[in-house]
Structures are given as C-alpha cells and as structure tokens.
Amino acid sequence: MNYRGNSAFSHQQADKVGVLLTNLGTPDAPTKAALKPYLKEFLSDPRVVEFPRWLWKIILNGIILNIRPKRSAEAYKTVWTDRGSPLLYHTEDQAAAVQHALTQDLGEHVIVDYAMRYGKPSIQDALDRMMRAGVRKLLVLPLYPQYSASTVGSTFDAIANDFTQRRWLPEFRFISHYHDYDPFISALVNKIERHWETHGRADKLIFSYHGVPLRYLKNGDPYHCECYKT
C-alpha cells in the first residue's frame, strides 16, 4: 500500500484549521453524457440503494442507466444557469460566506472548502487541497440538517475511505446532524417571517423533505423523526 502524503510539506508551514462543507453532488452539465457517470456513481452507493448488490447491478446497468440519464438531463436543463448547477454555486457561495465569517472572528488560520459526495469537486480533491495548505484539525459539516444513512452516513464513508489511503491524518470532527440546533431553527424562522412580511401570510405553511423508504425508518434510520422534530 502506497499511502498518499504531502511531498511539499515544510516544517515552517503554519498549522491550519479546516472546515469542509459537503453536499450531495451534481453532473458537470445538463446532458445525457454528463448524467450517466454521475448517476452511476450516485446509484451505485449501497448507502443510497440498500438492495442485493448483484441484482441491483443488473437493474442499474441494464435498465436505469439506459433510460434515466436523458430524462434527468431534461430536468437539469430547466434549472441550469450561466453559473452552472444551482446546487454547486449555492454551495460555493455558502463556503465563501462561512470563510468570510470565520476569518472575521478567528483570523487567517481557518480554511473553508467545499466538496460533493458524488461528482466534482470531489471529497478527495478537497482534502488534498486542505492538507497541502497545512490543515491539521478538520471539521466536516455535511449540509444536511437531518441525519440519514443515505446522505450523512454516505458522506462519512467517503471521508473514512479517503483516510484509509492517507499517510498523515488530521485531528477530526464530523457533524452528523443539527436538526434542532437553536441557530438553525432561528434562521428558518427568520426567513419565513421575512417572506411573510413581503408576500403576506397564507393559511398553511408546508415543510417538504426528501423522502426515504419506510423500511429505512423501521430499520432505525432517524431521518423521519428528525424532520418531524425540525
């Protein structure tokens, strides 16, 4: 095993604290050609689809990857902008805002970066950049307030897999959820109230969440309960 190291390391390099924001991922372009490898990476993750691997590979490669890329590309085209994928540039903007806030409070020794669980920029590439910059303490924040094995759990798998191949590991903290964290709830409340002030208040307020199979809940996944608690 040839573990990855930092050949450019210098003893004069100052130690840094790193904050890595992670999101789900996006294809490189709203095209069938770009969607196919992205969907293959995403849907091949056993955390996302808990199904017998041999049977799922047949279904995925024989049916889904021959049908879904074209349909998904058409959907992506409806939201694609001059800056590219909204998920990508919103994540980039969030990272820049967090960097600005932490620099104001803590100084220049904090580095904020971002990565996608599937697609680009990859978690491995982001960690490589941070390690080269001198990050010795690392905080990973998946941008999912509620924990699910298919999102947060999968992100941890990717971080852990990277660490098994890396020679020098940083001190490490992983935030698994913040569904009832007071500042998060306050941010939601403030956004809703600002919307009501501008557009008026309707009869009902509906919260919508991404779904997961019911059997995930029955097998102990807390996502449903944490959404309800939020």
Protein backbone atom coordinates (compact mmCIF):
# COMPACT_ATOMS: atom_id res chain seq x y z
CA MET A 1 0.00 0.00 0.00
CA ASN A 2 1.43 3.38 -1.02
CA TYR A 3 -0.25 5.90 1.27
CA ARG A 4 -0.78 9.42 -0.07
CA GLY A 5 1.37 12.05 1.60
CA ASN A 6 2.28 15.70 1.17
CA SER A 7 5.57 15.90 -0.70
CA ALA A 8 5.55 19.71 -0.43
CA PHE A 9 5.44 19.71 3.39
CA SER A 10 7.63 22.24 5.17
CA HIS A 11 8.35 22.45 8.90
CA GLN A 12 7.89 26.22 8.58
CA GLN A 13 4.30 25.78 7.39
CA ALA A 14 1.79 27.04 9.97
CA ASP A 15 -0.86 24.58 11.15
CA LYS A 16 -4.37 25.44 9.97
CA VAL A 17 -7.91 24.53 10.99
CA GLY A 18 -10.05 23.28 8.12
CA VAL A 19 -13.83 23.37 7.70
CA LEU A 20 -15.14 21.19 4.87
CA LEU A 21 -18.74 21.70 3.73
CA THR A 22 -20.14 18.80 1.73
CA ASN A 23 -23.24 18.47 -0.41
CA LEU A 24 -24.85 15.74 -2.48
CA GLY A 25 -23.46 16.43 -5.93
CA THR A 26 -24.25 17.49 -9.45
CA PRO A 27 -23.37 16.48 -13.01
CA ASP A 28 -20.86 18.59 -14.93
CA ALA A 29 -23.50 19.59 -17.48
CA PRO A 30 -27.24 19.09 -18.14
CA THR A 31 -26.59 16.46 -20.80
CA LYS A 32 -27.15 12.75 -21.14
CA ALA A 33 -23.40 12.18 -21.47
CA ALA A 34 -22.70 14.01 -18.21
CA LEU A 35 -25.62 12.48 -16.32
CA LYS A 36 -24.69 8.86 -16.94
CA PRO A 37 -21.41 8.75 -14.95
CA TYR A 38 -22.88 10.95 -12.23
CA LEU A 39 -25.94 8.75 -11.80
CA LYS A 40 -23.82 5.62 -11.90
CA GLU A 41 -21.64 6.87 -9.05
CA PHE A 42 -24.67 8.03 -7.06
CA LEU A 43 -26.88 4.97 -7.56
CA SER A 44 -24.01 2.50 -7.09
CA ASP A 45 -23.61 3.64 -3.49
CA PRO A 46 -25.01 0.88 -1.24
CA ARG A 47 -25.96 3.55 1.30
CA VAL A 48 -28.32 5.10 -1.25
CA VAL A 49 -29.88 1.89 -2.56
CA GLU A 50 -29.99 -0.90 0.02
CA PHE A 51 -30.57 -3.81 -2.30
CA PRO A 52 -28.71 -7.06 -3.08
CA ARG A 53 -25.64 -5.86 -4.99
CA TRP A 54 -25.69 -8.48 -7.76
CA LEU A 55 -29.34 -7.84 -8.62
CA TRP A 56 -29.05 -4.07 -8.33
CA LYS A 57 -26.06 -4.00 -10.72
CA ILE A 58 -28.17 -5.76 -13.34
CA ILE A 59 -31.06 -3.33 -12.87
CA LEU A 60 -28.82 -0.26 -12.76
CA ASN A 61 -26.62 -1.05 -15.75
CA GLY A 62 -29.22 -2.85 -17.81
CA ILE A 63 -32.22 -0.56 -17.37
CA ILE A 64 -31.80 2.62 -15.31
CA LEU A 65 -28.59 3.95 -16.87
CA ASN A 66 -30.09 3.45 -20.34
CA ILE A 67 -33.27 5.39 -19.54
CA ARG A 68 -32.81 7.86 -16.71
CA PRO A 69 -29.82 9.99 -17.92
CA LYS A 70 -31.82 11.51 -20.79
CA ARG A 71 -34.83 12.23 -18.58
CA SER A 72 -32.70 13.68 -15.81
CA ALA A 73 -30.79 15.85 -18.28
CA GLU A 74 -34.05 17.44 -19.42
CA ALA A 75 -34.92 18.25 -15.80
CA TYR A 76 -31.50 19.72 -15.10
CA LYS A 77 -31.79 21.98 -18.15
CA THR A 78 -34.79 23.70 -16.58
CA VAL A 79 -32.73 24.89 -13.57
CA TRP A 80 -29.24 25.28 -15.12
CA THR A 81 -27.91 28.85 -15.14
CA ASP A 82 -25.00 30.83 -16.54
CA ARG A 83 -23.09 29.88 -13.39
CA GLY A 84 -23.92 26.23 -13.92
CA SER A 85 -25.68 23.97 -11.44
CA PRO A 86 -27.55 25.85 -8.68
CA LEU A 87 -26.54 23.25 -6.10
CA LEU A 88 -22.88 23.78 -6.99
CA TYR A 89 -22.79 27.56 -6.98
CA HIS A 90 -25.01 27.89 -3.91
CA THR A 91 -22.63 25.55 -2.05
CA GLU A 92 -19.67 27.59 -3.31
CA ASP A 93 -21.35 30.80 -2.10
CA GLN A 94 -22.06 29.24 1.31
CA ALA A 95 -18.43 28.21 1.67
CA ALA A 96 -17.28 31.72 0.77
CA ALA A 97 -19.68 33.24 3.32
CA VAL A 98 -18.51 30.85 6.06
CA GLN A 99 -14.89 31.61 5.17
CA HIS A 100 -15.56 35.34 5.48
CA ALA A 101 -17.35 34.96 8.83
CA LEU A 102 -14.68 32.70 10.35
CA THR A 103 -11.85 34.89 9.10
CA GLN A 104 -13.52 37.89 10.75
CA ASP A 105 -13.86 36.01 14.05
CA LEU A 106 -10.81 33.75 14.14
CA GLY A 107 -8.27 35.10 11.68
CA GLU A 108 -6.42 33.68 8.72
CA HIS A 109 -5.58 30.26 10.18
CA VAL A 110 -9.02 28.83 9.30
CA ILE A 111 -9.53 27.39 5.80
CA VAL A 112 -13.03 26.67 4.46
CA ASP A 113 -13.54 24.47 1.41
CA TYR A 114 -16.40 22.51 -0.12
CA ALA A 115 -16.90 19.20 -1.91
CA MET A 116 -19.57 16.99 -3.40
CA ARG A 117 -20.23 13.42 -2.33
CA TYR A 118 -20.81 12.49 -5.97
CA GLY A 119 -19.28 14.28 -8.93
CA LYS A 120 -16.98 17.29 -8.71
CA PRO A 121 -15.34 18.82 -6.78
CA SER A 122 -14.67 15.50 -5.07
CA ILE A 123 -14.05 14.97 -1.37
CA GLN A 124 -10.60 13.55 -2.11
CA ASP A 125 -9.59 16.62 -4.12
CA ALA A 126 -10.84 18.98 -1.41
CA LEU A 127 -8.98 17.09 1.31
CA ASP A 128 -5.81 17.09 -0.81
CA ARG A 129 -6.01 20.88 -1.12
CA MET A 130 -6.59 21.32 2.60
CA MET A 131 -3.78 19.00 3.65
CA ARG A 132 -1.35 20.77 1.30
CA ALA A 133 -2.40 24.08 2.86
CA GLY A 134 -1.45 22.82 6.31
CA VAL A 135 -4.78 21.73 7.77
CA ARG A 136 -4.09 19.64 10.88
CA LYS A 137 -7.51 19.95 12.52
CA LEU A 138 -10.52 19.18 10.33
CA LEU A 139 -14.24 19.76 10.85
CA VAL A 140 -16.57 18.15 8.29
CA LEU A 141 -20.08 19.57 8.00
CA PRO A 142 -22.45 17.77 5.60
CA LEU A 143 -25.13 20.26 4.57
CA TYR A 144 -27.98 18.01 5.70
CA PRO A 145 -29.63 19.18 8.94
CA GLN A 146 -31.27 15.77 9.49
CA TYR A 147 -29.24 12.57 9.61
CA SER A 148 -29.87 9.76 7.17
CA ALA A 149 -27.61 6.84 6.37
CA SER A 150 -28.14 7.58 2.67
CA THR A 151 -26.78 11.14 2.96
CA VAL A 152 -24.73 11.85 6.07
CA GLY A 153 -23.73 8.20 6.55
CA SER A 154 -22.56 8.01 2.95
CA THR A 155 -20.51 11.19 3.39
CA PHE A 156 -18.76 9.68 6.41
CA ASP A 157 -18.00 6.58 4.34
CA ALA A 158 -16.27 8.75 1.73
CA ILE A 159 -14.22 10.59 4.36
CA ALA A 160 -13.27 7.34 6.08
CA ASN A 161 -12.31 5.71 2.79
CA ASP A 162 -10.07 8.66 1.98
CA PHE A 163 -8.42 8.45 5.40
CA THR A 164 -7.57 4.78 4.90
CA GLN A 165 -5.39 5.85 1.96
CA ARG A 166 -3.79 8.93 3.55
CA ARG A 167 -0.47 8.87 5.39
CA TRP A 168 -0.92 11.83 7.75
CA LEU A 169 -4.39 12.14 9.25
CA PRO A 170 -5.72 15.35 10.79
CA GLU A 171 -7.49 15.67 14.10
CA PHE A 172 -11.07 15.14 13.05
CA ARG A 173 -14.64 16.07 13.96
CA PHE A 174 -17.71 15.10 11.95
CA ILE A 175 -21.08 16.80 12.48
CA SER A 176 -23.79 14.22 11.88
CA HIS A 177 -26.89 16.41 12.32
CA TYR A 178 -28.17 19.78 13.53
CA HIS A 179 -31.90 19.34 13.04
CA ASP A 180 -32.81 21.01 16.37
CA TYR A 181 -29.82 23.33 16.76
CA ASP A 182 -31.17 26.67 18.00
CA PRO A 183 -29.34 28.92 15.47
CA PHE A 184 -30.54 26.69 12.61
CA ILE A 185 -34.15 26.90 13.81
CA SER A 186 -33.83 30.66 14.27
CA ALA A 187 -32.51 31.03 10.71
CA LEU A 188 -35.54 29.15 9.37
CA VAL A 189 -37.92 31.23 11.45
CA ASN A 190 -36.33 34.50 10.32
CA LYS A 191 -36.50 33.51 6.67
CA ILE A 192 -40.17 32.53 6.93
CA GLU A 193 -41.07 35.73 8.77
CA ARG A 194 -39.26 37.89 6.17
CA HIS A 195 -41.18 36.09 3.42
CA TRP A 196 -44.48 36.70 5.22
CA GLU A 197 -43.63 40.39 5.64
CA THR A 198 -43.06 40.74 1.90
CA HIS A 199 -45.71 38.42 0.45
CA GLY A 200 -48.31 38.08 3.19
CA ARG A 201 -49.16 35.09 5.32
CA ALA A 202 -51.05 32.16 3.82
CA ASP A 203 -53.43 29.81 5.64
CA LYS A 204 -50.90 26.99 5.88
CA LEU A 205 -47.13 26.57 5.96
CA ILE A 206 -45.90 23.33 4.40
CA PHE A 207 -42.47 21.85 5.05
CA SER A 208 -41.21 19.48 2.37
CA TYR A 209 -38.39 16.98 2.83
CA HIS A 210 -36.65 14.46 0.62
CA GLY A 211 -38.15 11.02 1.08
CA VAL A 212 -36.55 7.72 2.04
CA PRO A 213 -38.09 4.23 2.01
CA LEU A 214 -40.24 3.37 5.01
CA ARG A 215 -38.10 0.31 5.73
CA TYR A 216 -35.12 2.62 6.44
CA LEU A 217 -37.15 4.12 9.30
CA LYS A 218 -38.17 0.69 10.53
CA ASN A 219 -34.52 -0.37 10.45
CA GLY A 220 -33.55 2.51 12.72
CA ASP A 221 -32.74 5.44 10.42
CA PRO A 222 -33.66 8.63 12.38
CA TYR A 223 -34.27 10.85 9.33
CA HIS A 224 -38.09 10.81 9.53
CA CYS A 225 -38.05 11.60 13.27
CA GLU A 226 -35.51 14.40 12.90
CA CYS A 227 -37.52 16.00 10.08
CA TYR A 228 -40.57 15.90 12.33
CA LYS A 229 -38.59 17.42 15.19
CA THR A 230 -37.34 20.27 12.98
